[in-house]
Amino acid sequence: MIEIRWHGRGGQGAKTASQLLADAAFMSGKYVQSFPEYGPERSGAPITAYNRISDERCLIHSNIYEPDFVVVVDETLIESVDVTSGLKEEGAVIINSSRSPDELRGSLKGYRGRVCAIDARKISMDCLGSYFPNTPMLAAVVAVSGCVDREQFLSDMETSYRHKFAKKPQVIEGNLKCLKAAMEEVRG
């Protein structure tokens, strides 16, 4: 079983990315869970979302306290939230940042495991023309965790986007380009 904890702010799409990851894993034959945890429900407030992905039925129904991977959609959260709390050292933290993994390590309260970084803002702006950090962060977690096959993930996401954006087909290619770029550009 792979357990993933997402840290973001309301409106950045961490919850949606968690759900999309669960959908992709489900389409590849895995058992999945995806659920959010909110504080005050307002735009900009810190939120946490979770994924469990397994080859066998999962009977655990609690928050995730010792994740294999942590995804930080908003870099400013590493100053106020212990994002690496409970994170397994053989896992990784994936942070949306233009800084290098080595530069970020000093802000992670002594975490000794793998640190990955991806400039989701740049990728999103280049591919979509707007800032949607959840799309590149979704691809980055797939690339780093290996929780689903990359090619199958891209194929499933294309199917999902063609359904979701049936009335806005012009956004499909940009989103697919964003996913592919993120998988190639994640560092660490």
N, C-alpha and C. Protein backbone atom coordinates (compact mmCIF):
# COMPACT_ATOMS: atom_id res chain seq x y z
N MET A 1 0.84 -1.18 0.00
CA MET A 1 0.00 0.00 0.00
C MET A 1 0.89 1.24 0.00
N ILE A 2 0.50 2.22 -0.79
CA ILE A 2 1.18 3.52 -0.80
C ILE A 2 0.23 4.53 -0.19
N GLU A 3 0.74 5.30 0.77
CA GLU A 3 -0.05 6.35 1.41
C GLU A 3 0.58 7.70 1.09
N ILE A 4 -0.28 8.64 0.68
CA ILE A 4 0.17 9.96 0.25
C ILE A 4 -0.63 11.02 1.00
N ARG A 5 0.10 12.02 1.49
CA ARG A 5 -0.56 13.16 2.15
C ARG A 5 -0.27 14.41 1.32
N TRP A 6 -1.31 15.17 1.04
CA TRP A 6 -1.22 16.40 0.26
C TRP A 6 -1.41 17.60 1.19
N HIS A 7 -0.55 18.61 1.06
CA HIS A 7 -0.71 19.88 1.78
C HIS A 7 -0.89 20.98 0.75
N GLY A 8 -1.94 21.76 0.90
CA GLY A 8 -2.18 22.87 -0.01
C GLY A 8 -3.01 23.91 0.68
N ARG A 9 -3.48 24.84 -0.09
CA ARG A 9 -4.40 25.88 0.40
C ARG A 9 -5.69 25.77 -0.39
N GLY A 10 -6.78 26.11 0.26
CA GLY A 10 -8.09 26.06 -0.40
C GLY A 10 -8.06 26.82 -1.71
N GLY A 11 -8.52 26.19 -2.78
CA GLY A 11 -8.56 26.82 -4.09
C GLY A 11 -7.40 26.47 -5.00
N GLN A 12 -6.38 25.76 -4.47
CA GLN A 12 -5.22 25.40 -5.30
C GLN A 12 -5.39 24.05 -5.98
N GLY A 13 -6.40 23.30 -5.61
CA GLY A 13 -6.67 22.04 -6.28
C GLY A 13 -6.03 20.81 -5.69
N ALA A 14 -5.54 20.88 -4.44
CA ALA A 14 -4.93 19.70 -3.82
C ALA A 14 -5.96 18.58 -3.66
N LYS A 15 -7.16 18.93 -3.23
CA LYS A 15 -8.22 17.93 -3.07
C LYS A 15 -8.57 17.32 -4.43
N THR A 16 -8.70 18.15 -5.44
CA THR A 16 -9.02 17.65 -6.78
C THR A 16 -7.91 16.76 -7.31
N ALA A 17 -6.65 17.15 -7.11
CA ALA A 17 -5.53 16.32 -7.57
C ALA A 17 -5.54 14.97 -6.86
N SER A 18 -5.85 14.98 -5.57
CA SER A 18 -5.95 13.73 -4.81
C SER A 18 -7.03 12.82 -5.40
N GLN A 19 -8.15 13.41 -5.76
CA GLN A 19 -9.24 12.64 -6.35
C GLN A 19 -8.86 12.12 -7.75
N LEU A 20 -8.18 12.94 -8.53
CA LEU A 20 -7.75 12.51 -9.87
C LEU A 20 -6.73 11.38 -9.78
N LEU A 21 -5.83 11.46 -8.79
CA LEU A 21 -4.87 10.38 -8.59
C LEU A 21 -5.61 9.08 -8.24
N ALA A 22 -6.61 9.19 -7.37
CA ALA A 22 -7.40 8.01 -7.00
C ALA A 22 -8.11 7.44 -8.23
N ASP A 23 -8.67 8.31 -9.06
CA ASP A 23 -9.35 7.86 -10.28
C ASP A 23 -8.38 7.12 -11.20
N ALA A 24 -7.19 7.69 -11.38
CA ALA A 24 -6.20 7.06 -12.27
C ALA A 24 -5.76 5.71 -11.71
N ALA A 25 -5.53 5.64 -10.40
CA ALA A 25 -5.12 4.37 -9.79
C ALA A 25 -6.25 3.34 -9.89
N PHE A 26 -7.48 3.78 -9.70
CA PHE A 26 -8.63 2.88 -9.80
C PHE A 26 -8.75 2.33 -11.22
N MET A 27 -8.57 3.20 -12.22
CA MET A 27 -8.66 2.76 -13.61
C MET A 27 -7.55 1.77 -13.95
N SER A 28 -6.45 1.79 -13.20
CA SER A 28 -5.38 0.84 -13.45
C SER A 28 -5.53 -0.44 -12.63
N GLY A 29 -6.69 -0.59 -11.96
CA GLY A 29 -6.98 -1.82 -11.26
C GLY A 29 -6.64 -1.84 -9.77
N LYS A 30 -6.30 -0.69 -9.21
CA LYS A 30 -5.93 -0.61 -7.80
C LYS A 30 -7.15 -0.32 -6.94
N TYR A 31 -7.03 -0.63 -5.66
CA TYR A 31 -7.99 -0.19 -4.66
C TYR A 31 -7.53 1.18 -4.18
N VAL A 32 -8.46 2.09 -3.97
CA VAL A 32 -8.07 3.47 -3.66
C VAL A 32 -8.94 4.08 -2.58
N GLN A 33 -8.37 5.08 -1.94
CA GLN A 33 -9.10 5.98 -1.06
C GLN A 33 -8.59 7.39 -1.35
N SER A 34 -9.47 8.36 -1.31
CA SER A 34 -9.12 9.76 -1.45
C SER A 34 -10.06 10.54 -0.56
N PHE A 35 -9.50 11.33 0.35
CA PHE A 35 -10.37 12.09 1.24
C PHE A 35 -9.64 13.34 1.73
N PRO A 36 -10.38 14.44 1.92
CA PRO A 36 -9.78 15.69 2.40
C PRO A 36 -9.98 15.87 3.90
N GLU A 37 -9.24 16.81 4.45
CA GLU A 37 -9.42 17.25 5.83
C GLU A 37 -9.33 18.77 5.79
N TYR A 38 -10.34 19.43 6.29
CA TYR A 38 -10.38 20.89 6.22
C TYR A 38 -10.27 21.50 7.61
N GLY A 39 -9.78 22.73 7.61
CA GLY A 39 -9.95 23.61 8.76
C GLY A 39 -11.10 24.52 8.37
N PRO A 40 -10.95 25.81 8.59
CA PRO A 40 -11.99 26.73 8.13
C PRO A 40 -12.09 26.64 6.61
N GLU A 41 -13.29 26.42 6.10
CA GLU A 41 -13.45 26.20 4.66
C GLU A 41 -13.51 27.54 3.92
N ARG A 42 -12.32 28.04 3.59
CA ARG A 42 -12.25 29.28 2.84
C ARG A 42 -11.04 29.23 1.91
N SER A 43 -11.12 29.99 0.88
CA SER A 43 -10.01 30.05 -0.08
C SER A 43 -8.76 30.54 0.62
N GLY A 44 -7.66 29.85 0.41
CA GLY A 44 -6.39 30.24 1.00
C GLY A 44 -6.07 29.58 2.33
N ALA A 45 -7.05 28.95 2.96
CA ALA A 45 -6.80 28.27 4.24
C ALA A 45 -6.09 26.94 3.99
N PRO A 46 -5.19 26.55 4.89
CA PRO A 46 -4.51 25.26 4.70
C PRO A 46 -5.49 24.09 4.69
N ILE A 47 -5.27 23.16 3.78
CA ILE A 47 -6.06 21.93 3.71
C ILE A 47 -5.10 20.76 3.59
N THR A 48 -5.60 19.61 3.96
CA THR A 48 -4.85 18.38 3.80
C THR A 48 -5.75 17.39 3.09
N ALA A 49 -5.18 16.65 2.16
CA ALA A 49 -5.92 15.60 1.47
C ALA A 49 -5.06 14.35 1.51
N TYR A 50 -5.69 13.20 1.33
CA TYR A 50 -4.99 11.93 1.49
C TYR A 50 -5.35 10.96 0.37
N ASN A 51 -4.40 10.07 0.07
CA ASN A 51 -4.63 8.94 -0.84
C ASN A 51 -4.06 7.68 -0.22
N ARG A 52 -4.79 6.61 -0.40
CA ARG A 52 -4.26 5.26 -0.19
C ARG A 52 -4.45 4.53 -1.50
N ILE A 53 -3.39 3.85 -1.95
CA ILE A 53 -3.43 3.11 -3.20
C ILE A 53 -2.84 1.74 -2.91
N SER A 54 -3.62 0.70 -3.24
CA SER A 54 -3.20 -0.65 -2.86
C SER A 54 -3.63 -1.67 -3.90
N ASP A 55 -2.91 -2.79 -3.93
CA ASP A 55 -3.30 -3.91 -4.78
C ASP A 55 -4.38 -4.75 -4.11
N GLU A 56 -4.58 -4.55 -2.82
CA GLU A 56 -5.59 -5.29 -2.06
C GLU A 56 -6.56 -4.32 -1.40
N ARG A 57 -7.74 -4.81 -1.11
CA ARG A 57 -8.75 -3.98 -0.45
C ARG A 57 -8.18 -3.41 0.85
N CYS A 58 -8.41 -2.14 1.07
CA CYS A 58 -7.90 -1.45 2.26
C CYS A 58 -9.03 -1.25 3.26
N LEU A 59 -8.82 -1.74 4.46
CA LEU A 59 -9.84 -1.63 5.50
C LEU A 59 -9.52 -0.55 6.52
N ILE A 60 -8.47 0.21 6.29
CA ILE A 60 -8.10 1.32 7.19
C ILE A 60 -8.93 2.53 6.79
N HIS A 61 -9.52 3.19 7.78
CA HIS A 61 -10.34 4.38 7.51
C HIS A 61 -9.99 5.49 8.49
N SER A 62 -8.75 5.90 8.46
CA SER A 62 -8.29 6.99 9.32
C SER A 62 -7.43 7.92 8.49
N ASN A 63 -7.05 9.04 9.09
CA ASN A 63 -6.09 9.90 8.42
C ASN A 63 -4.79 9.14 8.25
N ILE A 64 -3.88 9.70 7.52
CA ILE A 64 -2.59 9.06 7.27
C ILE A 64 -1.54 9.78 8.11
N TYR A 65 -0.96 9.06 9.03
CA TYR A 65 -0.01 9.65 9.97
C TYR A 65 1.45 9.34 9.62
N GLU A 66 1.70 8.29 8.84
CA GLU A 66 3.05 7.93 8.42
C GLU A 66 3.05 7.69 6.91
N PRO A 67 2.93 8.78 6.14
CA PRO A 67 2.83 8.64 4.68
C PRO A 67 4.14 8.19 4.05
N ASP A 68 4.00 7.58 2.89
CA ASP A 68 5.16 7.23 2.08
C ASP A 68 5.63 8.45 1.29
N PHE A 69 4.67 9.29 0.89
CA PHE A 69 4.97 10.48 0.10
C PHE A 69 4.14 11.64 0.62
N VAL A 70 4.73 12.83 0.57
CA VAL A 70 4.02 14.06 0.92
C VAL A 70 4.16 15.01 -0.28
N VAL A 71 3.04 15.61 -0.65
CA VAL A 71 3.01 16.57 -1.76
C VAL A 71 2.66 17.93 -1.16
N VAL A 72 3.52 18.92 -1.41
CA VAL A 72 3.30 20.28 -0.89
C VAL A 72 3.00 21.18 -2.09
N VAL A 73 1.74 21.52 -2.23
CA VAL A 73 1.29 22.32 -3.38
C VAL A 73 1.66 23.78 -3.20
N ASP A 74 1.75 24.25 -1.96
CA ASP A 74 2.09 25.65 -1.68
C ASP A 74 3.33 25.69 -0.79
N GLU A 75 4.44 26.14 -1.34
CA GLU A 75 5.73 26.16 -0.64
C GLU A 75 5.67 26.93 0.68
N THR A 76 4.81 27.94 0.78
CA THR A 76 4.76 28.74 2.01
C THR A 76 4.32 27.90 3.21
N LEU A 77 3.69 26.78 2.97
CA LEU A 77 3.24 25.93 4.07
C LEU A 77 4.40 25.28 4.83
N ILE A 78 5.56 25.16 4.20
CA ILE A 78 6.67 24.53 4.93
C ILE A 78 7.17 25.41 6.08
N GLU A 79 6.78 26.68 6.09
CA GLU A 79 7.14 27.58 7.18
C GLU A 79 6.19 27.42 8.37
N SER A 80 4.94 27.04 8.12
CA SER A 80 3.94 27.01 9.20
C SER A 80 3.41 25.62 9.54
N VAL A 81 3.65 24.63 8.69
CA VAL A 81 3.14 23.28 8.91
C VAL A 81 4.33 22.32 8.85
N ASP A 82 4.38 21.38 9.77
CA ASP A 82 5.43 20.36 9.72
C ASP A 82 5.03 19.33 8.68
N VAL A 83 5.31 19.65 7.42
CA VAL A 83 4.85 18.82 6.30
C VAL A 83 5.50 17.45 6.30
N THR A 84 6.65 17.30 6.91
CA THR A 84 7.33 16.00 6.92
C THR A 84 7.00 15.18 8.15
N SER A 85 6.09 15.63 8.98
CA SER A 85 5.70 14.89 10.18
C SER A 85 5.27 13.47 9.80
N GLY A 86 5.96 12.48 10.37
CA GLY A 86 5.63 11.08 10.12
C GLY A 86 6.08 10.53 8.79
N LEU A 87 6.60 11.36 7.90
CA LEU A 87 7.00 10.92 6.56
C LEU A 87 8.14 9.91 6.64
N LYS A 88 7.92 8.79 6.00
CA LYS A 88 8.93 7.73 6.00
C LYS A 88 10.17 8.19 5.23
N GLU A 89 11.35 7.89 5.78
CA GLU A 89 12.59 8.32 5.13
C GLU A 89 12.83 7.64 3.79
N GLU A 90 12.25 6.46 3.58
CA GLU A 90 12.41 5.82 2.27
C GLU A 90 11.41 6.36 1.25
N GLY A 91 10.56 7.27 1.66
CA GLY A 91 9.62 7.92 0.77
C GLY A 91 10.21 9.21 0.22
N ALA A 92 9.37 10.21 0.04
CA ALA A 92 9.85 11.49 -0.48
C ALA A 92 8.83 12.59 -0.21
N VAL A 93 9.33 13.80 -0.13
CA VAL A 93 8.48 14.98 -0.10
C VAL A 93 8.66 15.67 -1.45
N ILE A 94 7.55 16.08 -2.06
CA ILE A 94 7.55 16.71 -3.39
C ILE A 94 6.99 18.11 -3.20
N ILE A 95 7.80 19.12 -3.45
CA ILE A 95 7.42 20.50 -3.15
C ILE A 95 7.34 21.34 -4.41
N ASN A 96 6.27 22.11 -4.53
CA ASN A 96 6.10 23.07 -5.61
C ASN A 96 7.00 24.26 -5.29
N SER A 97 8.14 24.34 -5.99
CA SER A 97 9.10 25.41 -5.72
C SER A 97 10.03 25.59 -6.90
N SER A 98 10.50 26.81 -7.07
CA SER A 98 11.54 27.07 -8.06
C SER A 98 12.92 26.81 -7.46
N ARG A 99 12.97 26.62 -6.15
CA ARG A 99 14.26 26.32 -5.49
C ARG A 99 14.64 24.86 -5.72
N SER A 100 15.91 24.57 -5.54
CA SER A 100 16.40 23.20 -5.72
C SER A 100 16.06 22.36 -4.50
N PRO A 101 16.06 21.04 -4.65
CA PRO A 101 15.84 20.17 -3.49
C PRO A 101 16.84 20.44 -2.36
N ASP A 102 18.09 20.70 -2.69
CA ASP A 102 19.08 20.99 -1.65
C ASP A 102 18.75 22.27 -0.90
N GLU A 103 18.28 23.29 -1.61
CA GLU A 103 17.89 24.55 -0.96
C GLU A 103 16.68 24.33 -0.04
N LEU A 104 15.76 23.48 -0.45
CA LEU A 104 14.55 23.24 0.34
C LEU A 104 14.83 22.41 1.59
N ARG A 105 15.79 21.53 1.52
CA ARG A 105 16.07 20.60 2.63
C ARG A 105 16.24 21.33 3.96
N GLY A 106 16.88 22.47 3.96
CA GLY A 106 17.10 23.23 5.19
C GLY A 106 15.83 23.70 5.88
N SER A 107 14.74 23.76 5.16
CA SER A 107 13.46 24.20 5.73
C SER A 107 12.59 23.05 6.23
N LEU A 108 13.11 21.82 6.17
CA LEU A 108 12.27 20.65 6.43
C LEU A 108 12.52 19.99 7.78
N LYS A 109 12.93 20.76 8.76
CA LYS A 109 13.03 20.30 10.15
C LYS A 109 13.79 18.99 10.31
N GLY A 110 14.90 18.85 9.59
CA GLY A 110 15.76 17.69 9.76
C GLY A 110 15.36 16.45 8.99
N TYR A 111 14.39 16.53 8.11
CA TYR A 111 13.99 15.36 7.34
C TYR A 111 15.19 14.88 6.51
N ARG A 112 15.50 13.59 6.59
CA ARG A 112 16.69 13.04 5.92
C ARG A 112 16.37 12.24 4.66
N GLY A 113 15.10 12.11 4.33
CA GLY A 113 14.73 11.34 3.13
C GLY A 113 14.86 12.16 1.86
N ARG A 114 14.28 11.64 0.81
CA ARG A 114 14.36 12.24 -0.52
C ARG A 114 13.51 13.51 -0.60
N VAL A 115 14.10 14.57 -1.14
CA VAL A 115 13.41 15.84 -1.34
C VAL A 115 13.35 16.10 -2.85
N CYS A 116 12.15 16.32 -3.35
CA CYS A 116 11.95 16.60 -4.78
C CYS A 116 11.30 17.97 -4.93
N ALA A 117 11.61 18.62 -6.02
CA ALA A 117 11.03 19.94 -6.29
C ALA A 117 10.56 20.00 -7.73
N ILE A 118 9.52 20.77 -7.93
CA ILE A 118 9.01 21.01 -9.27
C ILE A 118 8.43 22.42 -9.30
N ASP A 119 8.75 23.17 -10.32
CA ASP A 119 8.24 24.53 -10.45
C ASP A 119 6.88 24.46 -11.16
N ALA A 120 5.86 24.14 -10.37
CA ALA A 120 4.51 23.97 -10.92
C ALA A 120 3.97 25.28 -11.50
N ARG A 121 4.38 26.41 -10.93
CA ARG A 121 3.92 27.70 -11.47
C ARG A 121 4.43 27.88 -12.90
N LYS A 122 5.71 27.68 -13.12
CA LYS A 122 6.29 27.86 -14.45
C LYS A 122 5.66 26.90 -15.46
N ILE A 123 5.57 25.63 -15.08
CA ILE A 123 5.00 24.64 -16.00
C ILE A 123 3.56 24.98 -16.33
N SER A 124 2.79 25.33 -15.32
CA SER A 124 1.39 25.68 -15.51
C SER A 124 1.24 26.90 -16.41
N MET A 125 2.03 27.92 -16.15
CA MET A 125 1.94 29.14 -16.96
C MET A 125 2.35 28.85 -18.41
N ASP A 126 3.42 28.07 -18.59
CA ASP A 126 3.90 27.74 -19.94
C ASP A 126 2.88 26.91 -20.73
N CYS A 127 2.24 25.96 -20.05
CA CYS A 127 1.35 25.02 -20.75
C CYS A 127 -0.11 25.44 -20.79
N LEU A 128 -0.54 26.14 -19.73
CA LEU A 128 -1.96 26.46 -19.61
C LEU A 128 -2.25 27.96 -19.69
N GLY A 129 -1.22 28.77 -19.53
CA GLY A 129 -1.42 30.22 -19.57
C GLY A 129 -1.99 30.79 -18.29
N SER A 130 -2.20 29.95 -17.29
CA SER A 130 -2.71 30.36 -15.98
C SER A 130 -2.07 29.47 -14.92
N TYR A 131 -2.22 29.88 -13.68
CA TYR A 131 -1.61 29.13 -12.59
C TYR A 131 -2.59 28.14 -11.99
N PHE A 132 -2.41 26.88 -12.35
CA PHE A 132 -3.16 25.76 -11.79
C PHE A 132 -2.12 24.75 -11.28
N PRO A 133 -1.67 24.87 -10.03
CA PRO A 133 -0.57 24.02 -9.55
C PRO A 133 -0.93 22.55 -9.43
N ASN A 134 -2.20 22.22 -9.32
CA ASN A 134 -2.56 20.83 -9.07
C ASN A 134 -2.21 19.90 -10.23
N THR A 135 -2.31 20.37 -11.46
CA THR A 135 -2.01 19.50 -12.61
C THR A 135 -0.54 19.06 -12.62
N PRO A 136 0.43 19.98 -12.53
CA PRO A 136 1.81 19.50 -12.50
C PRO A 136 2.14 18.72 -11.22
N MET A 137 1.53 19.06 -10.11
CA MET A 137 1.82 18.33 -8.86
C MET A 137 1.29 16.90 -8.95
N LEU A 138 0.15 16.71 -9.59
CA LEU A 138 -0.41 15.38 -9.80
C LEU A 138 0.58 14.52 -10.60
N ALA A 139 1.10 15.06 -11.69
CA ALA A 139 2.06 14.31 -12.51
C ALA A 139 3.36 14.05 -11.75
N ALA A 140 3.78 15.02 -10.95
CA ALA A 140 5.03 14.85 -10.19
C ALA A 140 4.91 13.70 -9.21
N VAL A 141 3.78 13.58 -8.53
CA VAL A 141 3.63 12.49 -7.56
C VAL A 141 3.60 11.13 -8.26
N VAL A 142 3.02 11.07 -9.44
CA VAL A 142 3.04 9.82 -10.21
C VAL A 142 4.48 9.49 -10.61
N ALA A 143 5.24 10.48 -11.06
CA ALA A 143 6.62 10.25 -11.49
C ALA A 143 7.50 9.81 -10.32
N VAL A 144 7.34 10.44 -9.17
CA VAL A 144 8.21 10.16 -8.03
C VAL A 144 7.81 8.86 -7.32
N SER A 145 6.51 8.65 -7.14
CA SER A 145 6.05 7.50 -6.35
C SER A 145 5.95 6.21 -7.15
N GLY A 146 5.72 6.32 -8.46
CA GLY A 146 5.50 5.12 -9.25
C GLY A 146 4.22 4.39 -8.87
N CYS A 147 3.28 5.10 -8.27
CA CYS A 147 2.04 4.47 -7.79
C CYS A 147 1.16 3.95 -8.92
N VAL A 148 1.32 4.51 -10.10
CA VAL A 148 0.66 3.99 -11.30
C VAL A 148 1.64 4.10 -12.46
N ASP A 149 1.46 3.29 -13.48
CA ASP A 149 2.30 3.32 -14.66
C ASP A 149 2.15 4.67 -15.37
N ARG A 150 3.25 5.29 -15.72
CA ARG A 150 3.23 6.63 -16.35
C ARG A 150 2.40 6.66 -17.63
N GLU A 151 2.65 5.73 -18.53
CA GLU A 151 1.95 5.74 -19.81
C GLU A 151 0.45 5.48 -19.63
N GLN A 152 0.13 4.55 -18.73
CA GLN A 152 -1.28 4.28 -18.45
C GLN A 152 -1.94 5.51 -17.82
N PHE A 153 -1.21 6.18 -16.93
CA PHE A 153 -1.70 7.40 -16.29
C PHE A 153 -2.02 8.46 -17.33
N LEU A 154 -1.10 8.70 -18.25
CA LEU A 154 -1.33 9.72 -19.28
C LEU A 154 -2.51 9.36 -20.16
N SER A 155 -2.63 8.10 -20.51
CA SER A 155 -3.75 7.64 -21.32
C SER A 155 -5.08 7.82 -20.57
N ASP A 156 -5.09 7.42 -19.30
CA ASP A 156 -6.31 7.57 -18.50
C ASP A 156 -6.68 9.04 -18.29
N MET A 157 -5.68 9.89 -18.09
CA MET A 157 -5.95 11.31 -17.90
C MET A 157 -6.49 11.93 -19.19
N GLU A 158 -5.98 11.49 -20.33
CA GLU A 158 -6.51 12.00 -21.59
C GLU A 158 -7.99 11.64 -21.73
N THR A 159 -8.32 10.40 -21.39
CA THR A 159 -9.73 9.97 -21.43
C THR A 159 -10.57 10.82 -20.48
N SER A 160 -10.06 11.01 -19.28
CA SER A 160 -10.77 11.81 -18.28
C SER A 160 -10.96 13.25 -18.75
N TYR A 161 -9.90 13.86 -19.29
CA TYR A 161 -9.99 15.25 -19.77
C TYR A 161 -10.96 15.37 -20.94
N ARG A 162 -10.95 14.38 -21.83
CA ARG A 162 -11.87 14.45 -22.99
C ARG A 162 -13.33 14.40 -22.52
N HIS A 163 -13.57 13.69 -21.43
CA HIS A 163 -14.92 13.66 -20.87
C HIS A 163 -15.21 14.96 -20.11
N LYS A 164 -14.29 15.34 -19.23
CA LYS A 164 -14.49 16.51 -18.37
C LYS A 164 -14.58 17.80 -19.17
N PHE A 165 -13.75 17.92 -20.20
CA PHE A 165 -13.69 19.16 -20.98
C PHE A 165 -14.31 18.99 -22.36
N ALA A 166 -15.36 18.19 -22.45
CA ALA A 166 -16.01 17.94 -23.74
C ALA A 166 -16.47 19.24 -24.39
N LYS A 167 -16.90 20.21 -23.59
CA LYS A 167 -17.38 21.48 -24.13
C LYS A 167 -16.27 22.52 -24.23
N LYS A 168 -15.06 22.17 -23.76
CA LYS A 168 -13.90 23.07 -23.85
C LYS A 168 -12.69 22.29 -24.35
N PRO A 169 -12.76 21.72 -25.55
CA PRO A 169 -11.67 20.86 -26.03
C PRO A 169 -10.33 21.57 -26.15
N GLN A 170 -10.34 22.90 -26.21
CA GLN A 170 -9.09 23.64 -26.34
C GLN A 170 -8.19 23.51 -25.11
N VAL A 171 -8.71 23.10 -23.96
CA VAL A 171 -7.88 22.98 -22.76
C VAL A 171 -7.26 21.59 -22.60
N ILE A 172 -7.71 20.63 -23.39
CA ILE A 172 -7.23 19.26 -23.24
C ILE A 172 -5.74 19.16 -23.55
N GLU A 173 -5.32 19.68 -24.68
CA GLU A 173 -3.92 19.56 -25.09
C GLU A 173 -2.99 20.24 -24.09
N GLY A 174 -3.38 21.41 -23.59
CA GLY A 174 -2.55 22.12 -22.61
C GLY A 174 -2.39 21.33 -21.32
N ASN A 175 -3.45 20.70 -20.86
CA ASN A 175 -3.38 19.90 -19.64
C ASN A 175 -2.50 18.66 -19.84
N LEU A 176 -2.62 18.02 -20.98
CA LEU A 176 -1.78 16.85 -21.26
C LEU A 176 -0.31 17.26 -21.37
N LYS A 177 -0.05 18.39 -22.01
CA LYS A 177 1.31 18.90 -22.14
C LYS A 177 1.87 19.22 -20.74
N CYS A 178 1.03 19.76 -19.89
CA CYS A 178 1.41 20.10 -18.51
C CYS A 178 1.81 18.84 -17.74
N LEU A 179 1.01 17.78 -17.86
CA LEU A 179 1.32 16.52 -17.18
C LEU A 179 2.65 15.95 -17.65
N LYS A 180 2.85 15.92 -18.96
CA LYS A 180 4.09 15.36 -19.52
C LYS A 180 5.31 16.18 -19.09
N ALA A 181 5.19 17.50 -19.14
CA ALA A 181 6.32 18.36 -18.75
C ALA A 181 6.66 18.16 -17.28
N ALA A 182 5.66 18.06 -16.43
CA ALA A 182 5.90 17.88 -15.00
C ALA A 182 6.61 16.57 -14.72
N MET A 183 6.22 15.52 -15.41
CA MET A 183 6.88 14.21 -15.20
C MET A 183 8.36 14.27 -15.57
N GLU A 184 8.69 15.08 -16.55
CA GLU A 184 10.08 15.20 -16.99
C GLU A 184 10.88 16.18 -16.13
N GLU A 185 10.21 17.18 -15.58
CA GLU A 185 10.93 18.27 -14.92
C GLU A 185 11.03 18.16 -13.41
N VAL A 186 10.39 17.19 -12.79
CA VAL A 186 10.52 17.05 -11.34
C VAL A 186 11.97 16.71 -11.02
N ARG A 187 12.54 17.41 -10.03
CA ARG A 187 13.95 17.25 -9.66
C ARG A 187 14.06 16.59 -8.30
N GLY A 188 15.11 15.77 -8.14
CA GLY A 188 15.39 15.22 -6.82
C GLY A 188 15.38 13.75 -6.73
